[in-house]
Amino acid sequence: MKTSVEISYYPLKVEYISPIKNFIERLNTYQNLIVKTSGISTHIFGDYFEVMQVLTKEIHKSFELPNSIFVLKIINADLQKI
């Protein structure tokens, strides 16, 4: 099953840009996922289980920075094709 995720990351610290860029760079290392970034959020497209596995791993890594917030919308469709 294909899925689309819209995700926004809010590190609650003065220097917030670096952790966001680092998170997006890590997402872009996964060849089976399509990652598109805008000024407000990042969209991830791919196989449901693969996307969720990547998000679990990368969000966990980002949570090493205290007081981080993620906001996600998960859709059971490939929105690139709708």
PDB file of N, CA and C in Angstrom:
ATOM      1  N   MET A   1       0.836  -1.176   0.000  1.00  0.00           N
ATOM      2  CA  MET A   1       0.000   0.000   0.000  1.00  0.00           C
ATOM      3  C   MET A   1       0.883   1.242   0.000  1.00  0.00           C
ATOM      4  N   LYS A   2       0.556   2.172  -0.849  1.00  0.00           N
ATOM      5  CA  LYS A   2       1.284   3.441  -0.909  1.00  0.00           C
ATOM      6  C   LYS A   2       0.722   4.403   0.131  1.00  0.00           C
ATOM      7  N   THR A   3       1.588   5.253   0.649  1.00  0.00           N
ATOM      8  CA  THR A   3       1.165   6.240   1.625  1.00  0.00           C
ATOM      9  C   THR A   3       1.858   7.567   1.363  1.00  0.00           C
ATOM     10  N   SER A   4       1.243   8.618   1.848  1.00  0.00           N
ATOM     11  CA  SER A   4       1.805   9.965   1.795  1.00  0.00           C
ATOM     12  C   SER A   4       1.765  10.534   3.206  1.00  0.00           C
ATOM     13  N   VAL A   5       2.849  11.156   3.617  1.00  0.00           N
ATOM     14  CA  VAL A   5       2.925  11.747   4.950  1.00  0.00           C
ATOM     15  C   VAL A   5       3.350  13.204   4.807  1.00  0.00           C
ATOM     16  N   GLU A   6       2.622  14.058   5.470  1.00  0.00           N
ATOM     17  CA  GLU A   6       3.034  15.459   5.605  1.00  0.00           C
ATOM     18  C   GLU A   6       3.545  15.609   7.029  1.00  0.00           C
ATOM     19  N   ILE A   7       4.763  16.089   7.176  1.00  0.00           N
ATOM     20  CA  ILE A   7       5.377  16.166   8.500  1.00  0.00           C
ATOM     21  C   ILE A   7       6.022  17.530   8.706  1.00  0.00           C
ATOM     22  N   SER A   8       5.845  18.050   9.904  1.00  0.00           N
ATOM     23  CA  SER A   8       6.497  19.301  10.312  1.00  0.00           C
ATOM     24  C   SER A   8       7.229  19.024  11.619  1.00  0.00           C
ATOM     25  N   TYR A   9       8.421  19.574  11.733  1.00  0.00           N
ATOM     26  CA  TYR A   9       9.290  19.358  12.893  1.00  0.00           C
ATOM     27  C   TYR A   9       9.558  20.704  13.546  1.00  0.00           C
ATOM     28  N   TYR A  10       9.335  20.762  14.874  1.00  0.00           N
ATOM     29  CA  TYR A  10       9.529  21.988  15.631  1.00  0.00           C
ATOM     30  C   TYR A  10      10.449  21.722  16.828  1.00  0.00           C
ATOM     31  N   PRO A  11      11.755  21.903  16.666  1.00  0.00           N
ATOM     32  CA  PRO A  11      12.638  21.801  17.824  1.00  0.00           C
ATOM     33  C   PRO A  11      12.458  23.055  18.687  1.00  0.00           C
ATOM     34  N   LEU A  12      12.180  22.863  19.954  1.00  0.00           N
ATOM     35  CA  LEU A  12      11.922  24.001  20.842  1.00  0.00           C
ATOM     36  C   LEU A  12      13.229  24.481  21.470  1.00  0.00           C
ATOM     37  N   LYS A  13      14.016  25.140  20.661  1.00  0.00           N
ATOM     38  CA  LYS A  13      15.274  25.721  21.129  1.00  0.00           C
ATOM     39  C   LYS A  13      15.589  26.917  20.250  1.00  0.00           C
ATOM     40  N   VAL A  14      16.495  27.756  20.697  1.00  0.00           N
ATOM     41  CA  VAL A  14      16.840  28.973  19.969  1.00  0.00           C
ATOM     42  C   VAL A  14      17.383  28.629  18.580  1.00  0.00           C
ATOM     43  N   GLU A  15      18.305  27.690  18.500  1.00  0.00           N
ATOM     44  CA  GLU A  15      18.875  27.266  17.212  1.00  0.00           C
ATOM     45  C   GLU A  15      18.040  26.089  16.703  1.00  0.00           C
ATOM     46  N   TYR A  16      17.024  26.377  15.906  1.00  0.00           N
ATOM     47  CA  TYR A  16      16.101  25.340  15.447  1.00  0.00           C
ATOM     48  C   TYR A  16      16.323  24.925  13.992  1.00  0.00           C
ATOM     49  N   ILE A  17      16.979  25.749  13.201  1.00  0.00           N
ATOM     50  CA  ILE A  17      17.123  25.452  11.770  1.00  0.00           C
ATOM     51  C   ILE A  17      18.015  24.234  11.528  1.00  0.00           C
ATOM     52  N   SER A  18      19.124  24.144  12.235  1.00  0.00           N
ATOM     53  CA  SER A  18      20.063  23.043  12.038  1.00  0.00           C
ATOM     54  C   SER A  18      19.423  21.669  12.279  1.00  0.00           C
ATOM     55  N   PRO A  19      18.669  21.455  13.370  1.00  0.00           N
ATOM     56  CA  PRO A  19      18.042  20.143  13.564  1.00  0.00           C
ATOM     57  C   PRO A  19      17.009  19.811  12.473  1.00  0.00           C
ATOM     58  N   ILE A  20      16.296  20.818  11.985  1.00  0.00           N
ATOM     59  CA  ILE A  20      15.311  20.577  10.917  1.00  0.00           C
ATOM     60  C   ILE A  20      16.028  20.162   9.636  1.00  0.00           C
ATOM     61  N   LYS A  21      17.065  20.890   9.266  1.00  0.00           N
ATOM     62  CA  LYS A  21      17.823  20.547   8.055  1.00  0.00           C
ATOM     63  C   LYS A  21      18.429  19.145   8.167  1.00  0.00           C
ATOM     64  N   ASN A  22      18.944  18.825   9.340  1.00  0.00           N
ATOM     65  CA  ASN A  22      19.540  17.513   9.563  1.00  0.00           C
ATOM     66  C   ASN A  22      18.498  16.401   9.399  1.00  0.00           C
ATOM     67  N   PHE A  23      17.308  16.603   9.934  1.00  0.00           N
ATOM     68  CA  PHE A  23      16.227  15.623   9.804  1.00  0.00           C
ATOM     69  C   PHE A  23      15.873  15.416   8.325  1.00  0.00           C
ATOM     70  N   ILE A  24      15.729  16.491   7.587  1.00  0.00           N
ATOM     71  CA  ILE A  24      15.383  16.396   6.161  1.00  0.00           C
ATOM     72  C   ILE A  24      16.512  15.722   5.377  1.00  0.00           C
ATOM     73  N   GLU A  25      17.746  16.060   5.682  1.00  0.00           N
ATOM     74  CA  GLU A  25      18.881  15.416   5.010  1.00  0.00           C
ATOM     75  C   GLU A  25      18.883  13.909   5.252  1.00  0.00           C
ATOM     76  N   ARG A  26      18.576  13.493   6.476  1.00  0.00           N
ATOM     77  CA  ARG A  26      18.517  12.052   6.778  1.00  0.00           C
ATOM     78  C   ARG A  26      17.398  11.390   5.987  1.00  0.00           C
ATOM     79  N   LEU A  27      16.246  12.039   5.883  1.00  0.00           N
ATOM     80  CA  LEU A  27      15.143  11.463   5.100  1.00  0.00           C
ATOM     81  C   LEU A  27      15.550  11.268   3.643  1.00  0.00           C
ATOM     82  N   ASN A  28      16.309  12.197   3.112  1.00  0.00           N
ATOM     83  CA  ASN A  28      16.714  12.139   1.711  1.00  0.00           C
ATOM     84  C   ASN A  28      17.728  11.038   1.403  1.00  0.00           C
ATOM     85  N   THR A  29      18.250  10.368   2.419  1.00  0.00           N
ATOM     86  CA  THR A  29      19.202   9.278   2.177  1.00  0.00           C
ATOM     87  C   THR A  29      18.501   7.969   1.826  1.00  0.00           C
ATOM     88  N   TYR A  30      17.186   7.891   2.010  1.00  0.00           N
ATOM     89  CA  TYR A  30      16.444   6.662   1.730  1.00  0.00           C
ATOM     90  C   TYR A  30      16.003   6.666   0.270  1.00  0.00           C
ATOM     91  N   GLN A  31      16.599   5.789  -0.520  1.00  0.00           N
ATOM     92  CA  GLN A  31      16.391   5.791  -1.965  1.00  0.00           C
ATOM     93  C   GLN A  31      14.983   5.393  -2.391  1.00  0.00           C
ATOM     94  N   ASN A  32      14.281   4.600  -1.586  1.00  0.00           N
ATOM     95  CA  ASN A  32      12.948   4.141  -1.972  1.00  0.00           C
ATOM     96  C   ASN A  32      11.853   5.143  -1.627  1.00  0.00           C
ATOM     97  N   LEU A  33      12.203   6.229  -0.961  1.00  0.00           N
ATOM     98  CA  LEU A  33      11.215   7.238  -0.591  1.00  0.00           C
ATOM     99  C   LEU A  33      11.392   8.478  -1.456  1.00  0.00           C
ATOM    100  N   ILE A  34      10.278   9.126  -1.726  1.00  0.00           N
ATOM    101  CA  ILE A  34      10.312  10.431  -2.387  1.00  0.00           C
ATOM    102  C   ILE A  34      10.056  11.469  -1.306  1.00  0.00           C
ATOM    103  N   VAL A  35      10.954  12.440  -1.183  1.00  0.00           N
ATOM    104  CA  VAL A  35      10.854  13.470  -0.150  1.00  0.00           C
ATOM    105  C   VAL A  35      10.814  14.823  -0.838  1.00  0.00           C
ATOM    106  N   LYS A  36       9.767  15.592  -0.560  1.00  0.00           N
ATOM    107  CA  LYS A  36       9.620  16.938  -1.116  1.00  0.00           C
ATOM    108  C   LYS A  36       9.437  17.910   0.042  1.00  0.00           C
ATOM    109  N   THR A  37      10.249  18.945   0.043  1.00  0.00           N
ATOM    110  CA  THR A  37      10.231  19.896   1.150  1.00  0.00           C
ATOM    111  C   THR A  37       9.742  21.257   0.682  1.00  0.00           C
ATOM    112  N   SER A  38       8.890  21.874   1.508  1.00  0.00           N
ATOM    113  CA  SER A  38       8.453  23.245   1.269  1.00  0.00           C
ATOM    114  C   SER A  38       8.838  24.074   2.486  1.00  0.00           C
ATOM    115  N   GLY A  39       8.449  25.316   2.503  1.00  0.00           N
ATOM    116  CA  GLY A  39       8.772  26.188   3.625  1.00  0.00           C
ATOM    117  C   GLY A  39       8.019  25.862   4.903  1.00  0.00           C
ATOM    118  N   ILE A  40       6.958  25.081   4.791  1.00  0.00           N
ATOM    119  CA  ILE A  40       6.118  24.794   5.951  1.00  0.00           C
ATOM    120  C   ILE A  40       6.223  23.346   6.412  1.00  0.00           C
ATOM    121  N   SER A  41       6.382  22.417   5.476  1.00  0.00           N
ATOM    122  CA  SER A  41       6.391  21.001   5.837  1.00  0.00           C
ATOM    123  C   SER A  41       7.166  20.195   4.812  1.00  0.00           C
ATOM    124  N   THR A  42       7.305  18.917   5.114  1.00  0.00           N
ATOM    125  CA  THR A  42       7.954  17.975   4.210  1.00  0.00           C
ATOM    126  C   THR A  42       6.952  16.876   3.898  1.00  0.00           C
ATOM    127  N   HIS A  43       6.910  16.464   2.633  1.00  0.00           N
ATOM    128  CA  HIS A  43       6.036  15.373   2.209  1.00  0.00           C
ATOM    129  C   HIS A  43       6.894  14.165   1.875  1.00  0.00           C
ATOM    130  N   ILE A  44       6.450  13.011   2.347  1.00  0.00           N
ATOM    131  CA  ILE A  44       7.166  11.760   2.120  1.00  0.00           C
ATOM    132  C   ILE A  44       6.201  10.799   1.441  1.00  0.00           C
ATOM    133  N   PHE A  45       6.663  10.181   0.360  1.00  0.00           N
ATOM    134  CA  PHE A  45       5.838   9.253  -0.408  1.00  0.00           C
ATOM    135  C   PHE A  45       6.561   7.916  -0.522  1.00  0.00           C
ATOM    136  N   GLY A  46       5.800   6.823  -0.373  1.00  0.00           N
ATOM    137  CA  GLY A  46       6.403   5.508  -0.534  1.00  0.00           C
ATOM    138  C   GLY A  46       5.516   4.415   0.006  1.00  0.00           C
ATOM    139  N   ASP A  47       6.088   3.224   0.131  1.00  0.00           N
ATOM    140  CA  ASP A  47       5.385   2.084   0.701  1.00  0.00           C
ATOM    141  C   ASP A  47       5.103   2.344   2.179  1.00  0.00           C
ATOM    142  N   TYR A  48       3.889   2.046   2.619  1.00  0.00           N
ATOM    143  CA  TYR A  48       3.460   2.360   3.984  1.00  0.00           C
ATOM    144  C   TYR A  48       4.453   1.866   5.033  1.00  0.00           C
ATOM    145  N   PHE A  49       4.773   0.575   5.004  1.00  0.00           N
ATOM    146  CA  PHE A  49       5.630   0.013   6.044  1.00  0.00           C
ATOM    147  C   PHE A  49       7.035   0.607   6.010  1.00  0.00           C
ATOM    148  N   GLU A  50       7.535   0.863   4.836  1.00  0.00           N
ATOM    149  CA  GLU A  50       8.864   1.454   4.713  1.00  0.00           C
ATOM    150  C   GLU A  50       8.876   2.896   5.238  1.00  0.00           C
ATOM    151  N   VAL A  51       7.866   3.673   4.875  1.00  0.00           N
ATOM    152  CA  VAL A  51       7.767   5.057   5.358  1.00  0.00           C
ATOM    153  C   VAL A  51       7.672   5.080   6.880  1.00  0.00           C
ATOM    154  N   MET A  52       6.833   4.227   7.440  1.00  0.00           N
ATOM    155  CA  MET A  52       6.648   4.231   8.893  1.00  0.00           C
ATOM    156  C   MET A  52       7.911   3.780   9.616  1.00  0.00           C
ATOM    157  N   GLN A  53       8.625   2.806   9.045  1.00  0.00           N
ATOM    158  CA  GLN A  53       9.874   2.352   9.644  1.00  0.00           C
ATOM    159  C   GLN A  53      10.908   3.477   9.648  1.00  0.00           C
ATOM    160  N   VAL A  54      11.019   4.185   8.538  1.00  0.00           N
ATOM    161  CA  VAL A  54      11.961   5.305   8.445  1.00  0.00           C
ATOM    162  C   VAL A  54      11.576   6.400   9.435  1.00  0.00           C
ATOM    163  N   LEU A  55      10.297   6.749   9.482  1.00  0.00           N
ATOM    164  CA  LEU A  55       9.862   7.808  10.403  1.00  0.00           C
ATOM    165  C   LEU A  55      10.116   7.429  11.856  1.00  0.00           C
ATOM    166  N   THR A  56       9.854   6.182  12.205  1.00  0.00           N
ATOM    167  CA  THR A  56      10.111   5.731  13.575  1.00  0.00           C
ATOM    168  C   THR A  56      11.584   5.918  13.923  1.00  0.00           C
ATOM    169  N   LYS A  57      12.458   5.492  13.036  1.00  0.00           N
ATOM    170  CA  LYS A  57      13.899   5.596  13.272  1.00  0.00           C
ATOM    171  C   LYS A  57      14.355   7.046  13.346  1.00  0.00           C
ATOM    172  N   GLU A  58      13.932   7.858  12.393  1.00  0.00           N
ATOM    173  CA  GLU A  58      14.443   9.229  12.310  1.00  0.00           C
ATOM    174  C   GLU A  58      13.811  10.164  13.343  1.00  0.00           C
ATOM    175  N   ILE A  59      12.567   9.950  13.680  1.00  0.00           N
ATOM    176  CA  ILE A  59      11.961  10.748  14.757  1.00  0.00           C
ATOM    177  C   ILE A  59      12.627  10.404  16.079  1.00  0.00           C
ATOM    178  N   HIS A  60      12.858   9.121  16.310  1.00  0.00           N
ATOM    179  CA  HIS A  60      13.544   8.705  17.537  1.00  0.00           C
ATOM    180  C   HIS A  60      14.908   9.385  17.651  1.00  0.00           C
ATOM    181  N   LYS A  61      15.647   9.427  16.550  1.00  0.00           N
ATOM    182  CA  LYS A  61      16.957  10.099  16.549  1.00  0.00           C
ATOM    183  C   LYS A  61      16.794  11.587  16.861  1.00  0.00           C
ATOM    184  N   SER A  62      15.793  12.224  16.284  1.00  0.00           N
ATOM    185  CA  SER A  62      15.564  13.651  16.539  1.00  0.00           C
ATOM    186  C   SER A  62      15.132  13.908  17.977  1.00  0.00           C
ATOM    187  N   PHE A  63      14.481  12.939  18.603  1.00  0.00           N
ATOM    188  CA  PHE A  63      14.050  13.103  19.994  1.00  0.00           C
ATOM    189  C   PHE A  63      15.221  13.080  20.974  1.00  0.00           C
ATOM    190  N   GLU A  64      16.434  12.786  20.477  1.00  0.00           N
ATOM    191  CA  GLU A  64      17.608  12.917  21.333  1.00  0.00           C
ATOM    192  C   GLU A  64      17.795  14.375  21.741  1.00  0.00           C
ATOM    193  N   LEU A  65      17.267  15.289  20.924  1.00  0.00           N
ATOM    194  CA  LEU A  65      17.243  16.702  21.264  1.00  0.00           C
ATOM    195  C   LEU A  65      15.992  16.936  22.107  1.00  0.00           C
ATOM    196  N   PRO A  66      16.151  17.348  23.349  1.00  0.00           N
ATOM    197  CA  PRO A  66      14.966  17.523  24.212  1.00  0.00           C
ATOM    198  C   PRO A  66      13.963  18.530  23.649  1.00  0.00           C
ATOM    199  N   ASN A  67      12.706  18.293  23.965  1.00  0.00           N
ATOM    200  CA  ASN A  67      11.616  19.213  23.650  1.00  0.00           C
ATOM    201  C   ASN A  67      11.433  19.439  22.153  1.00  0.00           C
ATOM    202  N   SER A  68      11.269  18.368  21.439  1.00  0.00           N
ATOM    203  CA  SER A  68      11.002  18.436  20.006  1.00  0.00           C
ATOM    204  C   SER A  68       9.561  18.034  19.740  1.00  0.00           C
ATOM    205  N   ILE A  69       8.932  18.685  18.778  1.00  0.00           N
ATOM    206  CA  ILE A  69       7.542  18.389  18.412  1.00  0.00           C
ATOM    207  C   ILE A  69       7.503  18.000  16.938  1.00  0.00           C
ATOM    208  N   PHE A  70       6.749  16.941  16.632  1.00  0.00           N
ATOM    209  CA  PHE A  70       6.460  16.553  15.255  1.00  0.00           C
ATOM    210  C   PHE A  70       4.952  16.573  15.061  1.00  0.00           C
ATOM    211  N   VAL A  71       4.515  17.102  13.942  1.00  0.00           N
ATOM    212  CA  VAL A  71       3.105  17.091  13.557  1.00  0.00           C
ATOM    213  C   VAL A  71       3.026  16.344  12.232  1.00  0.00           C
ATOM    214  N   LEU A  72       2.185  15.280  12.187  1.00  0.00           N
ATOM    215  CA  LEU A  72       2.096  14.441  10.997  1.00  0.00           C
ATOM    216  C   LEU A  72       0.658  14.287  10.519  1.00  0.00           C
ATOM    217  N   LYS A  73       0.521  14.214   9.212  1.00  0.00           N
ATOM    218  CA  LYS A  73      -0.722  13.784   8.564  1.00  0.00           C
ATOM    219  C   LYS A  73      -0.345  12.583   7.715  1.00  0.00           C
ATOM    220  N   ILE A  74      -1.055  11.469   7.893  1.00  0.00           N
ATOM    221  CA  ILE A  74      -0.745  10.241   7.174  1.00  0.00           C
ATOM    222  C   ILE A  74      -1.962   9.857   6.336  1.00  0.00           C
ATOM    223  N   ILE A  75      -1.735   9.653   5.049  1.00  0.00           N
ATOM    224  CA  ILE A  75      -2.824   9.357   4.108  1.00  0.00           C
ATOM    225  C   ILE A  75      -2.526   8.036   3.423  1.00  0.00           C
ATOM    226  N   ASN A  76      -3.530   7.199   3.273  1.00  0.00           N
ATOM    227  CA  ASN A  76      -3.323   5.892   2.630  1.00  0.00           C
ATOM    228  C   ASN A  76      -3.511   5.972   1.127  1.00  0.00           C
ATOM    229  N   ALA A  77      -2.774   6.889   0.522  1.00  0.00           N
ATOM    230  CA  ALA A  77      -2.793   7.061  -0.926  1.00  0.00           C
ATOM    231  C   ALA A  77      -1.513   7.771  -1.338  1.00  0.00           C
ATOM    232  N   ASP A  78      -1.130   7.607  -2.576  1.00  0.00           N
ATOM    233  CA  ASP A  78       0.017   8.324  -3.099  1.00  0.00           C
ATOM    234  C   ASP A  78      -0.518   9.639  -3.676  1.00  0.00           C
ATOM    235  N   LEU A  79      -0.400  10.708  -2.904  1.00  0.00           N
ATOM    236  CA  LEU A  79      -0.964  11.999  -3.318  1.00  0.00           C
ATOM    237  C   LEU A  79      -0.281  12.588  -4.533  1.00  0.00           C
ATOM    238  N   GLN A  80       0.864  12.069  -4.908  1.00  0.00           N
ATOM    239  CA  GLN A  80       1.516  12.551  -6.121  1.00  0.00           C
ATOM    240  C   GLN A  80       0.686  12.206  -7.345  1.00  0.00           C
ATOM    241  N   LYS A  81      -0.127  11.150  -7.235  1.00  0.00           N
ATOM    242  CA  LYS A  81      -0.871  10.659  -8.398  1.00  0.00           C
ATOM    243  C   LYS A  81      -2.344  11.077  -8.374  1.00  0.00           C
ATOM    244  N   ILE A  82      -2.744  11.806  -7.352  1.00  0.00           N
ATOM    245  CA  ILE A  82      -4.162  12.223  -7.257  1.00  0.00           C
ATOM    246  C   ILE A  82      -4.307  13.616  -7.826  1.00  0.00           C
TER     247      ILE A  82
END
